[in-house]
Every structure is written in C-alpha cells, then in structure tokens.
Amino acid sequence: MNSHDVIRDQVAKNRVVLYMKGSPDFPQCGFSANVVNILRSCGVEEFFSVNVLEEPEIRQGIKEFANWPTIPQLYVEGEFVGGSDILTEMYRNGELQKLLQK
C-alpha cells in the first residue's frame, strides 16, 4: 500500500483522525497542541492520531492527499476539515462543535 492508500484507509475507518506532530498526550508543536486542546474542549477525548514525525511517508503523503501544505490536519467522517487556524476559527464560531456532535 502506498501512503495515499494508508491515509484513505485511516480516514475511512475512524470517525475523527488527526495527523499531527507528536501524540495527543505529548504534542511536539504548538499548532498540534492547539488542535488537541480544541478537540478536547469539544468533548472529543478519543480520536485516531498519526504522529507524522515517526512516519515520513505519511508526513509527505498527507500534504498531497488533502492538497494542504501544513500539519496538523483534521478529518471528520472521512472529510478534510482543516488545520490549526481553520479549526480555531470554527471552534470560536461554534461550527466545529456542531460538526463533531453529529
């Protein structure tokens, strides 16, 4: 399987997927930490995460898969939602909470 197949499989099998630097308990960048905090503030304690620092093929592949140049990247129900800035804005205006409560 190539990286796109792996990513496609991960986002299909898990409701909430976060591609990040580090892990939810030990984020290794401020943007990843921000998204983890936002998810937890929305009541999402359990989600599938991928540490792209440990998986270089996924790190590059996820940027191509979503046509989005930065990490973290959040997927909900198989759909790309956004990175840290977009998620922060969606959280502030209540859109993210609605999306995650479905």
C-alpha atoms as a PDB file:
ATOM      1  CA  MET A   1       0.000   0.000   0.000  1.00  0.00           C
ATOM      2  CA  ASN A   2       1.241   3.479  -0.780  1.00  0.00           C
ATOM      3  CA  SER A   3       0.833   6.408   1.624  1.00  0.00           C
ATOM      4  CA  HIS A   4      -2.404   7.605  -0.009  1.00  0.00           C
ATOM      5  CA  ASP A   5      -3.952   4.150   0.390  1.00  0.00           C
ATOM      6  CA  VAL A   6      -2.935   4.082   4.064  1.00  0.00           C
ATOM      7  CA  ILE A   7      -4.381   7.556   4.647  1.00  0.00           C
ATOM      8  CA  ARG A   8      -7.601   6.711   2.781  1.00  0.00           C
ATOM      9  CA  ASP A   9      -7.979   3.609   4.959  1.00  0.00           C
ATOM     10  CA  GLN A  10      -7.309   5.535   8.198  1.00  0.00           C
ATOM     11  CA  VAL A  11      -9.840   8.273   7.496  1.00  0.00           C
ATOM     12  CA  ALA A  12     -12.431   5.735   6.334  1.00  0.00           C
ATOM     13  CA  LYS A  13     -12.158   3.534   9.428  1.00  0.00           C
ATOM     14  CA  ASN A  14     -12.047   6.265  12.102  1.00  0.00           C
ATOM     15  CA  ARG A  15     -14.632   8.988  12.701  1.00  0.00           C
ATOM     16  CA  VAL A  16     -12.080  11.606  13.848  1.00  0.00           C
ATOM     17  CA  VAL A  17      -8.482  11.483  12.606  1.00  0.00           C
ATOM     18  CA  LEU A  18      -5.740  13.956  13.455  1.00  0.00           C
ATOM     19  CA  TYR A  19      -2.432  13.989  11.585  1.00  0.00           C
ATOM     20  CA  MET A  20      -0.119  15.799  13.944  1.00  0.00           C
ATOM     21  CA  LYS A  21       3.422  16.244  15.175  1.00  0.00           C
ATOM     22  CA  GLY A  22       3.747  14.171  18.329  1.00  0.00           C
ATOM     23  CA  SER A  23       0.894  12.473  20.141  1.00  0.00           C
ATOM     24  CA  PRO A  24      -2.227  13.825  21.848  1.00  0.00           C
ATOM     25  CA  ASP A  25      -0.551  13.435  25.250  1.00  0.00           C
ATOM     26  CA  PHE A  26       2.794  14.819  24.042  1.00  0.00           C
ATOM     27  CA  PRO A  27       2.304  17.193  21.100  1.00  0.00           C
ATOM     28  CA  GLN A  28       5.588  18.303  19.561  1.00  0.00           C
ATOM     29  CA  CYS A  29       4.435  21.595  18.083  1.00  0.00           C
ATOM     30  CA  GLY A  30       2.168  24.375  19.251  1.00  0.00           C
ATOM     31  CA  PHE A  31      -0.263  24.010  16.351  1.00  0.00           C
ATOM     32  CA  SER A  32      -0.776  20.309  17.082  1.00  0.00           C
ATOM     33  CA  ALA A  33      -1.227  21.075  20.793  1.00  0.00           C
ATOM     34  CA  ASN A  34      -3.818  23.719  19.887  1.00  0.00           C
ATOM     35  CA  VAL A  35      -5.889  21.266  17.840  1.00  0.00           C
ATOM     36  CA  VAL A  36      -5.740  18.601  20.563  1.00  0.00           C
ATOM     37  CA  ASN A  37      -6.947  21.193  23.096  1.00  0.00           C
ATOM     38  CA  ILE A  38      -9.758  22.272  20.786  1.00  0.00           C
ATOM     39  CA  LEU A  39     -10.904  18.678  20.261  1.00  0.00           C
ATOM     40  CA  ARG A  40     -10.893  18.035  23.997  1.00  0.00           C
ATOM     41  CA  SER A  41     -12.798  21.282  24.596  1.00  0.00           C
ATOM     42  CA  CYS A  42     -15.428  19.957  22.180  1.00  0.00           C
ATOM     43  CA  GLY A  43     -15.719  16.780  24.270  1.00  0.00           C
ATOM     44  CA  VAL A  44     -13.726  14.579  21.869  1.00  0.00           C
ATOM     45  CA  GLU A  45     -11.465  12.542  24.131  1.00  0.00           C
ATOM     46  CA  GLU A  46     -10.942   9.565  21.847  1.00  0.00           C
ATOM     47  CA  PHE A  47      -9.690  10.043  18.315  1.00  0.00           C
ATOM     48  CA  PHE A  48      -7.258   8.350  15.965  1.00  0.00           C
ATOM     49  CA  SER A  49      -3.991  10.238  15.680  1.00  0.00           C
ATOM     50  CA  VAL A  50      -0.947   9.770  13.496  1.00  0.00           C
ATOM     51  CA  ASN A  51       2.443  11.140  14.534  1.00  0.00           C
ATOM     52  CA  VAL A  52       3.859  12.281  11.195  1.00  0.00           C
ATOM     53  CA  LEU A  53       7.298  12.729  12.753  1.00  0.00           C
ATOM     54  CA  GLU A  54       7.515   8.939  13.075  1.00  0.00           C
ATOM     55  CA  GLU A  55       6.091   8.274   9.603  1.00  0.00           C
ATOM     56  CA  PRO A  56       7.885  10.376   6.942  1.00  0.00           C
ATOM     57  CA  GLU A  57       5.922   8.817   4.050  1.00  0.00           C
ATOM     58  CA  ILE A  58       2.648   9.798   5.724  1.00  0.00           C
ATOM     59  CA  ARG A  59       4.048  13.249   6.544  1.00  0.00           C
ATOM     60  CA  GLN A  60       4.556  13.955   2.851  1.00  0.00           C
ATOM     61  CA  GLY A  61       1.590  11.909   1.671  1.00  0.00           C
ATOM     62  CA  ILE A  62      -0.954  13.733   3.827  1.00  0.00           C
ATOM     63  CA  LYS A  63       0.052  17.077   2.317  1.00  0.00           C
ATOM     64  CA  GLU A  64      -0.590  15.686  -1.171  1.00  0.00           C
ATOM     65  CA  PHE A  65      -3.740  13.784  -0.143  1.00  0.00           C
ATOM     66  CA  ALA A  66      -5.535  16.892   1.104  1.00  0.00           C
ATOM     67  CA  ASN A  67      -3.659  19.345  -1.115  1.00  0.00           C
ATOM     68  CA  TRP A  68      -2.921  21.169   2.139  1.00  0.00           C
ATOM     69  CA  PRO A  69       0.697  22.133   2.899  1.00  0.00           C
ATOM     70  CA  THR A  70       0.710  22.145   6.690  1.00  0.00           C
ATOM     71  CA  ILE A  71       0.279  19.800   9.635  1.00  0.00           C
ATOM     72  CA  PRO A  72      -1.833  19.273  11.752  1.00  0.00           C
ATOM     73  CA  GLN A  73      -4.741  18.166   9.604  1.00  0.00           C
ATOM     74  CA  LEU A  74      -8.117  17.061  10.946  1.00  0.00           C
ATOM     75  CA  TYR A  75     -10.533  14.679   9.224  1.00  0.00           C
ATOM     76  CA  VAL A  76     -14.073  14.042  10.448  1.00  0.00           C
ATOM     77  CA  GLU A  77     -16.135  11.248   8.908  1.00  0.00           C
ATOM     78  CA  GLY A  78     -13.677  10.902   6.045  1.00  0.00           C
ATOM     79  CA  GLU A  79     -13.680  14.585   5.125  1.00  0.00           C
ATOM     80  CA  PHE A  80     -10.779  17.006   5.487  1.00  0.00           C
ATOM     81  CA  VAL A  81     -11.798  19.804   7.853  1.00  0.00           C
ATOM     82  CA  GLY A  82      -8.650  21.924   8.125  1.00  0.00           C
ATOM     83  CA  GLY A  83      -5.555  22.853  10.039  1.00  0.00           C
ATOM     84  CA  SER A  84      -4.979  24.772  13.238  1.00  0.00           C
ATOM     85  CA  ASP A  85      -6.089  28.227  12.043  1.00  0.00           C
ATOM     86  CA  ILE A  86      -9.285  26.981  10.400  1.00  0.00           C
ATOM     87  CA  LEU A  87     -10.150  24.786  13.379  1.00  0.00           C
ATOM     88  CA  THR A  88      -9.562  27.670  15.787  1.00  0.00           C
ATOM     89  CA  GLU A  89     -11.973  29.847  13.798  1.00  0.00           C
ATOM     90  CA  MET A  90     -14.550  27.033  13.500  1.00  0.00           C
ATOM     91  CA  TYR A  91     -14.314  26.465  17.259  1.00  0.00           C
ATOM     92  CA  ARG A  92     -14.789  30.165  18.020  1.00  0.00           C
ATOM     93  CA  ASN A  93     -17.913  30.437  15.882  1.00  0.00           C
ATOM     94  CA  GLY A  94     -19.409  27.114  17.016  1.00  0.00           C
ATOM     95  CA  GLU A  95     -19.174  25.281  13.663  1.00  0.00           C
ATOM     96  CA  LEU A  96     -16.701  22.687  14.900  1.00  0.00           C
ATOM     97  CA  GLN A  97     -18.826  21.743  17.905  1.00  0.00           C
ATOM     98  CA  LYS A  98     -21.812  21.158  15.581  1.00  0.00           C
ATOM     99  CA  LEU A  99     -19.721  19.063  13.198  1.00  0.00           C
ATOM    100  CA  LEU A 100     -18.316  16.908  15.998  1.00  0.00           C
ATOM    101  CA  GLN A 101     -21.701  16.376  17.685  1.00  0.00           C
ATOM    102  CA  LYS A 102     -23.295  14.739  14.630  1.00  0.00           C
END
